[in-house]
């Protein structure tokens, strides 16, 4: 189960990955393309992961179970 530190740990992993990509990109005329593609892809994946994780940790609407299947409702 995820805790409150997961987004920060993910951000640190992302920063390390981006630093490695920045210095390890193959030299040549396409070095800028390599760097921008890998860094932007990693950032986009982190943002999508963080949105999904935070939406599960702190939902905007509480789940309501009442009256989902009235035929199986317990008598009061």
PDB file of N, CA and C in Angstrom:
ATOM      1  N   UNK A   1       0.838  -1.172   0.000  1.00  0.00           N
ATOM      2  CA  UNK A   1       0.000   0.000   0.000  1.00  0.00           C
ATOM      3  C   UNK A   1       0.885   1.238   0.000  1.00  0.00           C
ATOM      4  N   UNK A   2       0.496   2.207  -0.757  1.00  0.00           N
ATOM      5  CA  UNK A   2       1.295   3.422  -0.905  1.00  0.00           C
ATOM      6  C   UNK A   2       1.153   4.309   0.328  1.00  0.00           C
ATOM      7  N   UNK A   3       2.191   5.055   0.601  1.00  0.00           N
ATOM      8  CA  UNK A   3       2.122   6.011   1.698  1.00  0.00           C
ATOM      9  C   UNK A   3       2.341   7.421   1.143  1.00  0.00           C
ATOM     10  N   UNK A   4       2.409   8.393   2.018  1.00  0.00           N
ATOM     11  CA  UNK A   4       2.535   9.784   1.593  1.00  0.00           C
ATOM     12  C   UNK A   4       3.879  10.144   0.995  1.00  0.00           C
ATOM     13  N   UNK A   5       4.877   9.291   1.178  1.00  0.00           N
ATOM     14  CA  UNK A   5       6.213   9.581   0.662  1.00  0.00           C
ATOM     15  C   UNK A   5       6.416   9.107  -0.774  1.00  0.00           C
ATOM     16  N   UNK A   6       5.503   8.322  -1.302  1.00  0.00           N
ATOM     17  CA  UNK A   6       5.678   7.743  -2.638  1.00  0.00           C
ATOM     18  C   UNK A   6       5.877   8.797  -3.730  1.00  0.00           C
ATOM     19  N   UNK A   7       5.106   9.896  -3.774  1.00  0.00           N
ATOM     20  CA  UNK A   7       5.356  10.894  -4.834  1.00  0.00           C
ATOM     21  C   UNK A   7       6.739  11.532  -4.746  1.00  0.00           C
ATOM     22  N   UNK A   8       7.228  11.735  -3.511  1.00  0.00           N
ATOM     23  CA  UNK A   8       8.553  12.348  -3.348  1.00  0.00           C
ATOM     24  C   UNK A   8       9.669  11.379  -3.742  1.00  0.00           C
ATOM     25  N   UNK A   9       9.504  10.117  -3.394  1.00  0.00           N
ATOM     26  CA  UNK A   9      10.479   9.107  -3.801  1.00  0.00           C
ATOM     27  C   UNK A   9      10.485   8.977  -5.321  1.00  0.00           C
ATOM     28  N   UNK A  10       9.297   8.982  -5.925  1.00  0.00           N
ATOM     29  CA  UNK A  10       9.198   8.939  -7.387  1.00  0.00           C
ATOM     30  C   UNK A  10       9.849  10.147  -8.031  1.00  0.00           C
ATOM     31  N   UNK A  11       9.703  11.309  -7.412  1.00  0.00           N
ATOM     32  CA  UNK A  11      10.320  12.526  -7.947  1.00  0.00           C
ATOM     33  C   UNK A  11      11.847  12.447  -7.879  1.00  0.00           C
ATOM     34  N   UNK A  12      12.368  11.869  -6.822  1.00  0.00           N
ATOM     35  CA  UNK A  12      13.824  11.692  -6.702  1.00  0.00           C
ATOM     36  C   UNK A  12      14.328  10.718  -7.766  1.00  0.00           C
ATOM     37  N   UNK A  13      13.601   9.622  -7.959  1.00  0.00           N
ATOM     38  CA  UNK A  13      13.975   8.655  -9.003  1.00  0.00           C
ATOM     39  C   UNK A  13      13.931   9.321 -10.373  1.00  0.00           C
ATOM     40  N   UNK A  14      12.912  10.134 -10.611  1.00  0.00           N
ATOM     41  CA  UNK A  14      12.806  10.849 -11.890  1.00  0.00           C
ATOM     42  C   UNK A  14      13.980  11.804 -12.092  1.00  0.00           C
ATOM     43  N   UNK A  15      14.348  12.540 -11.045  1.00  0.00           N
ATOM     44  CA  UNK A  15      15.458  13.488 -11.156  1.00  0.00           C
ATOM     45  C   UNK A  15      16.768  12.765 -11.456  1.00  0.00           C
ATOM     46  N   UNK A  16      16.990  11.623 -10.810  1.00  0.00           N
ATOM     47  CA  UNK A  16      18.210  10.839 -11.071  1.00  0.00           C
ATOM     48  C   UNK A  16      18.201  10.331 -12.505  1.00  0.00           C
ATOM     49  N   UNK A  17      17.043   9.811 -12.950  1.00  0.00           N
ATOM     50  CA  UNK A  17      16.948   9.317 -14.329  1.00  0.00           C
ATOM     51  C   UNK A  17      17.226  10.431 -15.327  1.00  0.00           C
ATOM     52  N   UNK A  18      16.642  11.614 -15.096  1.00  0.00           N
ATOM     53  CA  UNK A  18      16.846  12.728 -16.025  1.00  0.00           C
ATOM     54  C   UNK A  18      18.312  13.179 -16.051  1.00  0.00           C
ATOM     55  N   UNK A  19      18.973  13.160 -14.892  1.00  0.00           N
ATOM     56  CA  UNK A  19      20.389  13.533 -14.850  1.00  0.00           C
ATOM     57  C   UNK A  19      21.243  12.520 -15.614  1.00  0.00           C
ATOM     58  N   UNK A  20      20.941  11.241 -15.446  1.00  0.00           N
ATOM     59  CA  UNK A  20      21.691  10.211 -16.172  1.00  0.00           C
ATOM     60  C   UNK A  20      21.470  10.348 -17.669  1.00  0.00           C
ATOM     61  N   UNK A  21      20.219  10.578 -18.076  1.00  0.00           N
ATOM     62  CA  UNK A  21      19.908  10.731 -19.501  1.00  0.00           C
ATOM     63  C   UNK A  21      20.624  11.950 -20.074  1.00  0.00           C
ATOM     64  N   UNK A  22      20.683  13.031 -19.300  1.00  0.00           N
ATOM     65  CA  UNK A  22      21.297  14.264 -19.783  1.00  0.00           C
ATOM     66  C   UNK A  22      22.773  14.044 -20.125  1.00  0.00           C
ATOM     67  N   UNK A  23      23.472  13.300 -19.283  1.00  0.00           N
ATOM     68  CA  UNK A  23      24.910  13.107 -19.505  1.00  0.00           C
ATOM     69  C   UNK A  23      25.227  11.873 -20.340  1.00  0.00           C
ATOM     70  N   UNK A  24      24.304  10.913 -20.423  1.00  0.00           N
ATOM     71  CA  UNK A  24      24.588   9.677 -21.147  1.00  0.00           C
ATOM     72  C   UNK A  24      23.979   9.651 -22.546  1.00  0.00           C
ATOM     73  N   UNK A  25      23.366  10.731 -22.965  1.00  0.00           N
ATOM     74  CA  UNK A  25      22.783  10.760 -24.304  1.00  0.00           C
ATOM     75  C   UNK A  25      23.894  10.631 -25.344  1.00  0.00           C
ATOM     76  N   UNK A  26      23.626   9.856 -26.398  1.00  0.00           N
ATOM     77  CA  UNK A  26      24.666   9.678 -27.406  1.00  0.00           C
ATOM     78  C   UNK A  26      25.035  11.003 -28.079  1.00  0.00           C
ATOM     79  N   UNK A  27      26.316  11.197 -28.255  1.00  0.00           N
ATOM     80  CA  UNK A  27      26.799  12.437 -28.879  1.00  0.00           C
ATOM     81  C   UNK A  27      26.508  12.415 -30.377  1.00  0.00           C
ATOM     82  N   UNK A  28      26.272  13.584 -30.920  1.00  0.00           N
ATOM     83  CA  UNK A  28      26.005  13.675 -32.348  1.00  0.00           C
ATOM     84  C   UNK A  28      24.991  14.758 -32.627  1.00  0.00           C
ATOM     85  N   UNK A  29      24.522  14.766 -33.868  1.00  0.00           N
ATOM     86  CA  UNK A  29      23.600  15.831 -34.261  1.00  0.00           C
ATOM     87  C   UNK A  29      22.202  15.639 -33.668  1.00  0.00           C
ATOM     88  N   UNK A  30      21.886  14.429 -33.197  1.00  0.00           N
ATOM     89  CA  UNK A  30      20.573  14.167 -32.617  1.00  0.00           C
ATOM     90  C   UNK A  30      20.594  14.109 -31.091  1.00  0.00           C
ATOM     91  N   UNK A  31      21.636  14.651 -30.478  1.00  0.00           N
ATOM     92  CA  UNK A  31      21.744  14.597 -29.025  1.00  0.00           C
ATOM     93  C   UNK A  31      20.587  15.340 -28.354  1.00  0.00           C
ATOM     94  N   UNK A  32      20.210  16.469 -28.871  1.00  0.00           N
ATOM     95  CA  UNK A  32      19.100  17.239 -28.309  1.00  0.00           C
ATOM     96  C   UNK A  32      17.784  16.477 -28.437  1.00  0.00           C
ATOM     97  N   UNK A  33      17.598  15.794 -29.544  1.00  0.00           N
ATOM     98  CA  UNK A  33      16.375  15.010 -29.737  1.00  0.00           C
ATOM     99  C   UNK A  33      16.310  13.873 -28.722  1.00  0.00           C
ATOM    100  N   UNK A  34      17.431  13.175 -28.532  1.00  0.00           N
ATOM    101  CA  UNK A  34      17.483  12.091 -27.547  1.00  0.00           C
ATOM    102  C   UNK A  34      17.152  12.612 -26.159  1.00  0.00           C
ATOM    103  N   UNK A  35      17.818  13.693 -25.765  1.00  0.00           N
ATOM    104  CA  UNK A  35      17.617  14.241 -24.420  1.00  0.00           C
ATOM    105  C   UNK A  35      16.172  14.666 -24.209  1.00  0.00           C
ATOM    106  N   UNK A  36      15.651  15.441 -25.123  1.00  0.00           N
ATOM    107  CA  UNK A  36      14.297  15.958 -24.933  1.00  0.00           C
ATOM    108  C   UNK A  36      13.258  14.839 -24.970  1.00  0.00           C
ATOM    109  N   UNK A  37      13.448  13.853 -25.834  1.00  0.00           N
ATOM    110  CA  UNK A  37      12.488  12.752 -25.915  1.00  0.00           C
ATOM    111  C   UNK A  37      12.456  11.950 -24.621  1.00  0.00           C
ATOM    112  N   UNK A  38      13.618  11.570 -24.113  1.00  0.00           N
ATOM    113  CA  UNK A  38      13.666  10.746 -22.905  1.00  0.00           C
ATOM    114  C   UNK A  38      13.217  11.516 -21.665  1.00  0.00           C
ATOM    115  N   UNK A  39      13.643  12.773 -21.542  1.00  0.00           N
ATOM    116  CA  UNK A  39      13.265  13.560 -20.367  1.00  0.00           C
ATOM    117  C   UNK A  39      11.771  13.874 -20.387  1.00  0.00           C
ATOM    118  N   UNK A  40      11.239  14.303 -21.512  1.00  0.00           N
ATOM    119  CA  UNK A  40       9.811  14.620 -21.586  1.00  0.00           C
ATOM    120  C   UNK A  40       8.941  13.381 -21.404  1.00  0.00           C
ATOM    121  N   UNK A  41       9.375  12.246 -21.923  1.00  0.00           N
ATOM    122  CA  UNK A  41       8.617  11.005 -21.725  1.00  0.00           C
ATOM    123  C   UNK A  41       8.606  10.608 -20.253  1.00  0.00           C
ATOM    124  N   UNK A  42       9.737  10.715 -19.598  1.00  0.00           N
ATOM    125  CA  UNK A  42       9.811  10.363 -18.176  1.00  0.00           C
ATOM    126  C   UNK A  42       8.962  11.299 -17.326  1.00  0.00           C
ATOM    127  N   UNK A  43       8.991  12.576 -17.621  1.00  0.00           N
ATOM    128  CA  UNK A  43       8.190  13.538 -16.868  1.00  0.00           C
ATOM    129  C   UNK A  43       6.699  13.291 -17.088  1.00  0.00           C
ATOM    130  N   UNK A  44       6.301  13.008 -18.314  1.00  0.00           N
ATOM    131  CA  UNK A  44       4.890  12.732 -18.597  1.00  0.00           C
ATOM    132  C   UNK A  44       4.420  11.471 -17.873  1.00  0.00           C
ATOM    133  N   UNK A  45       5.256  10.426 -17.856  1.00  0.00           N
ATOM    134  CA  UNK A  45       4.882   9.198 -17.142  1.00  0.00           C
ATOM    135  C   UNK A  45       4.777   9.454 -15.644  1.00  0.00           C
ATOM    136  N   UNK A  46       5.700  10.258 -15.082  1.00  0.00           N
ATOM    137  CA  UNK A  46       5.637  10.571 -13.656  1.00  0.00           C
ATOM    138  C   UNK A  46       4.359  11.344 -13.325  1.00  0.00           C
ATOM    139  N   UNK A  47       4.006  12.307 -14.148  1.00  0.00           N
ATOM    140  CA  UNK A  47       2.799  13.097 -13.889  1.00  0.00           C
ATOM    141  C   UNK A  47       1.557  12.215 -13.929  1.00  0.00           C
ATOM    142  N   UNK A  48       1.456  11.327 -14.908  1.00  0.00           N
ATOM    143  CA  UNK A  48       0.298  10.438 -14.984  1.00  0.00           C
ATOM    144  C   UNK A  48       0.262   9.490 -13.784  1.00  0.00           C
ATOM    145  N   UNK A  49       1.403   8.955 -13.376  1.00  0.00           N
ATOM    146  CA  UNK A  49       1.462   8.081 -12.218  1.00  0.00           C
ATOM    147  C   UNK A  49       1.072   8.834 -10.951  1.00  0.00           C
ATOM    148  N   UNK A  50       1.590  10.043 -10.786  1.00  0.00           N
ATOM    149  CA  UNK A  50       1.306  10.819  -9.584  1.00  0.00           C
ATOM    150  C   UNK A  50      -0.168  11.194  -9.496  1.00  0.00           C
ATOM    151  N   UNK A  51      -0.774  11.566 -10.616  1.00  0.00           N
ATOM    152  CA  UNK A  51      -2.199  11.903 -10.618  1.00  0.00           C
ATOM    153  C   UNK A  51      -3.023  10.688 -10.214  1.00  0.00           C
ATOM    154  N   UNK A  52      -2.702   9.537 -10.772  1.00  0.00           N
ATOM    155  CA  UNK A  52      -3.438   8.312 -10.446  1.00  0.00           C
ATOM    156  C   UNK A  52      -3.247   7.942  -8.975  1.00  0.00           C
ATOM    157  N   UNK A  53      -2.027   8.002  -8.483  1.00  0.00           N
ATOM    158  CA  UNK A  53      -1.754   7.662  -7.093  1.00  0.00           C
ATOM    159  C   UNK A  53      -2.455   8.616  -6.140  1.00  0.00           C
ATOM    160  N   UNK A  54      -2.352   9.909  -6.387  1.00  0.00           N
ATOM    161  CA  UNK A  54      -2.951  10.880  -5.484  1.00  0.00           C
ATOM    162  C   UNK A  54      -4.471  10.839  -5.537  1.00  0.00           C
ATOM    163  N   UNK A  55      -5.036  10.492  -6.685  1.00  0.00           N
ATOM    164  CA  UNK A  55      -6.485  10.365  -6.776  1.00  0.00           C
ATOM    165  C   UNK A  55      -6.978   9.183  -5.952  1.00  0.00           C
ATOM    166  N   UNK A  56      -6.148   8.153  -5.798  1.00  0.00           N
ATOM    167  CA  UNK A  56      -6.529   7.012  -4.970  1.00  0.00           C
ATOM    168  C   UNK A  56      -6.279   7.278  -3.497  1.00  0.00           C
ATOM    169  N   UNK A  57      -5.251   8.058  -3.176  1.00  0.00           N
ATOM    170  CA  UNK A  57      -4.962   8.362  -1.780  1.00  0.00           C
ATOM    171  C   UNK A  57      -5.978   9.331  -1.186  1.00  0.00           C
ATOM    172  N   UNK A  58      -6.383  10.318  -1.965  1.00  0.00           N
ATOM    173  CA  UNK A  58      -7.306  11.346  -1.495  1.00  0.00           C
ATOM    174  C   UNK A  58      -8.433  11.533  -2.519  1.00  0.00           C
ATOM    175  N   UNK A  59      -9.421  10.634  -2.517  1.00  0.00           N
ATOM    176  CA  UNK A  59     -10.492  10.756  -3.501  1.00  0.00           C
ATOM    177  C   UNK A  59     -11.343  11.995  -3.256  1.00  0.00           C
ATOM    178  N   UNK A  60     -11.839  12.593  -4.320  1.00  0.00           N
ATOM    179  CA  UNK A  60     -12.686  13.777  -4.202  1.00  0.00           C
ATOM    180  C   UNK A  60     -14.081  13.421  -3.708  1.00  0.00           C
ATOM    181  N   UNK A  61     -14.553  12.237  -4.081  1.00  0.00           N
ATOM    182  CA  UNK A  61     -15.890  11.796  -3.691  1.00  0.00           C
ATOM    183  C   UNK A  61     -15.749  10.479  -2.948  1.00  0.00           C
ATOM    184  N   UNK A  62     -16.379  10.380  -1.789  1.00  0.00           N
ATOM    185  CA  UNK A  62     -16.346   9.133  -1.024  1.00  0.00           C
ATOM    186  C   UNK A  62     -17.208   8.081  -1.697  1.00  0.00           C
ATOM    187  N   UNK A  63     -16.765   6.844  -1.714  1.00  0.00           N
ATOM    188  CA  UNK A  63     -17.597   5.790  -2.299  1.00  0.00           C
ATOM    189  C   UNK A  63     -18.868   5.585  -1.478  1.00  0.00           C
ATOM    190  N   UNK A  64     -19.972   5.440  -2.155  1.00  0.00           N
ATOM    191  CA  UNK A  64     -21.256   5.210  -1.502  1.00  0.00           C
ATOM    192  C   UNK A  64     -21.763   3.853  -1.955  1.00  0.00           C
ATOM    193  N   UNK A  65     -22.044   2.967  -1.010  1.00  0.00           N
ATOM    194  CA  UNK A  65     -22.470   1.618  -1.360  1.00  0.00           C
ATOM    195  C   UNK A  65     -23.969   1.433  -1.278  1.00  0.00           C
ATOM    196  N   UNK A  66     -24.689   2.352  -0.717  1.00  0.00           N
ATOM    197  CA  UNK A  66     -26.117   2.168  -0.489  1.00  0.00           C
ATOM    198  C   UNK A  66     -26.880   2.094  -1.806  1.00  0.00           C
ATOM    199  N   UNK A  67     -27.818   1.168  -1.876  1.00  0.00           N
ATOM    200  CA  UNK A  67     -28.771   1.033  -2.979  1.00  0.00           C
ATOM    201  C   UNK A  67     -28.119   0.711  -4.315  1.00  0.00           C
ATOM    202  N   UNK A  68     -26.981   0.035  -4.278  1.00  0.00           N
ATOM    203  CA  UNK A  68     -26.390  -0.375  -5.542  1.00  0.00           C
ATOM    204  C   UNK A  68     -27.174  -1.542  -6.145  1.00  0.00           C
ATOM    205  N   UNK A  69     -27.551  -2.488  -5.281  1.00  0.00           N
ATOM    206  CA  UNK A  69     -28.346  -3.638  -5.726  1.00  0.00           C
ATOM    207  C   UNK A  69     -29.442  -3.861  -4.705  1.00  0.00           C
ATOM    208  N   UNK A  70     -30.589  -3.235  -4.915  1.00  0.00           N
ATOM    209  CA  UNK A  70     -31.645  -3.307  -3.898  1.00  0.00           C
ATOM    210  C   UNK A  70     -32.130  -4.730  -3.622  1.00  0.00           C
ATOM    211  N   UNK A  71     -32.028  -5.635  -4.575  1.00  0.00           N
ATOM    212  CA  UNK A  71     -32.518  -6.996  -4.351  1.00  0.00           C
ATOM    213  C   UNK A  71     -31.682  -7.743  -3.326  1.00  0.00           C
ATOM    214  N   UNK A  72     -30.449  -7.297  -3.062  1.00  0.00           N
ATOM    215  CA  UNK A  72     -29.574  -7.959  -2.102  1.00  0.00           C
ATOM    216  C   UNK A  72     -29.409  -7.127  -0.830  1.00  0.00           C
ATOM    217  N   UNK A  73     -30.240  -6.181  -0.636  1.00  0.00           N
ATOM    218  CA  UNK A  73     -30.127  -5.323   0.544  1.00  0.00           C
ATOM    219  C   UNK A  73     -30.648  -6.065   1.772  1.00  0.00           C
ATOM    220  N   UNK A  74     -29.950  -5.885   2.890  1.00  0.00           N
ATOM    221  CA  UNK A  74     -30.371  -6.561   4.126  1.00  0.00           C
ATOM    222  C   UNK A  74     -31.569  -5.835   4.727  1.00  0.00           C
ATOM    223  N   UNK A  75     -32.546  -6.580   5.269  1.00  0.00           N
ATOM    224  CA  UNK A  75     -33.705  -5.924   5.882  1.00  0.00           C
ATOM    225  C   UNK A  75     -33.317  -5.227   7.168  1.00  0.00           C
ATOM    226  N   UNK A  76     -34.000  -4.129   7.435  1.00  0.00           N
ATOM    227  CA  UNK A  76     -33.669  -3.352   8.649  1.00  0.00           C
ATOM    228  C   UNK A  76     -34.602  -3.658   9.748  1.00  0.00           C
TER     229      UNK A  76
END
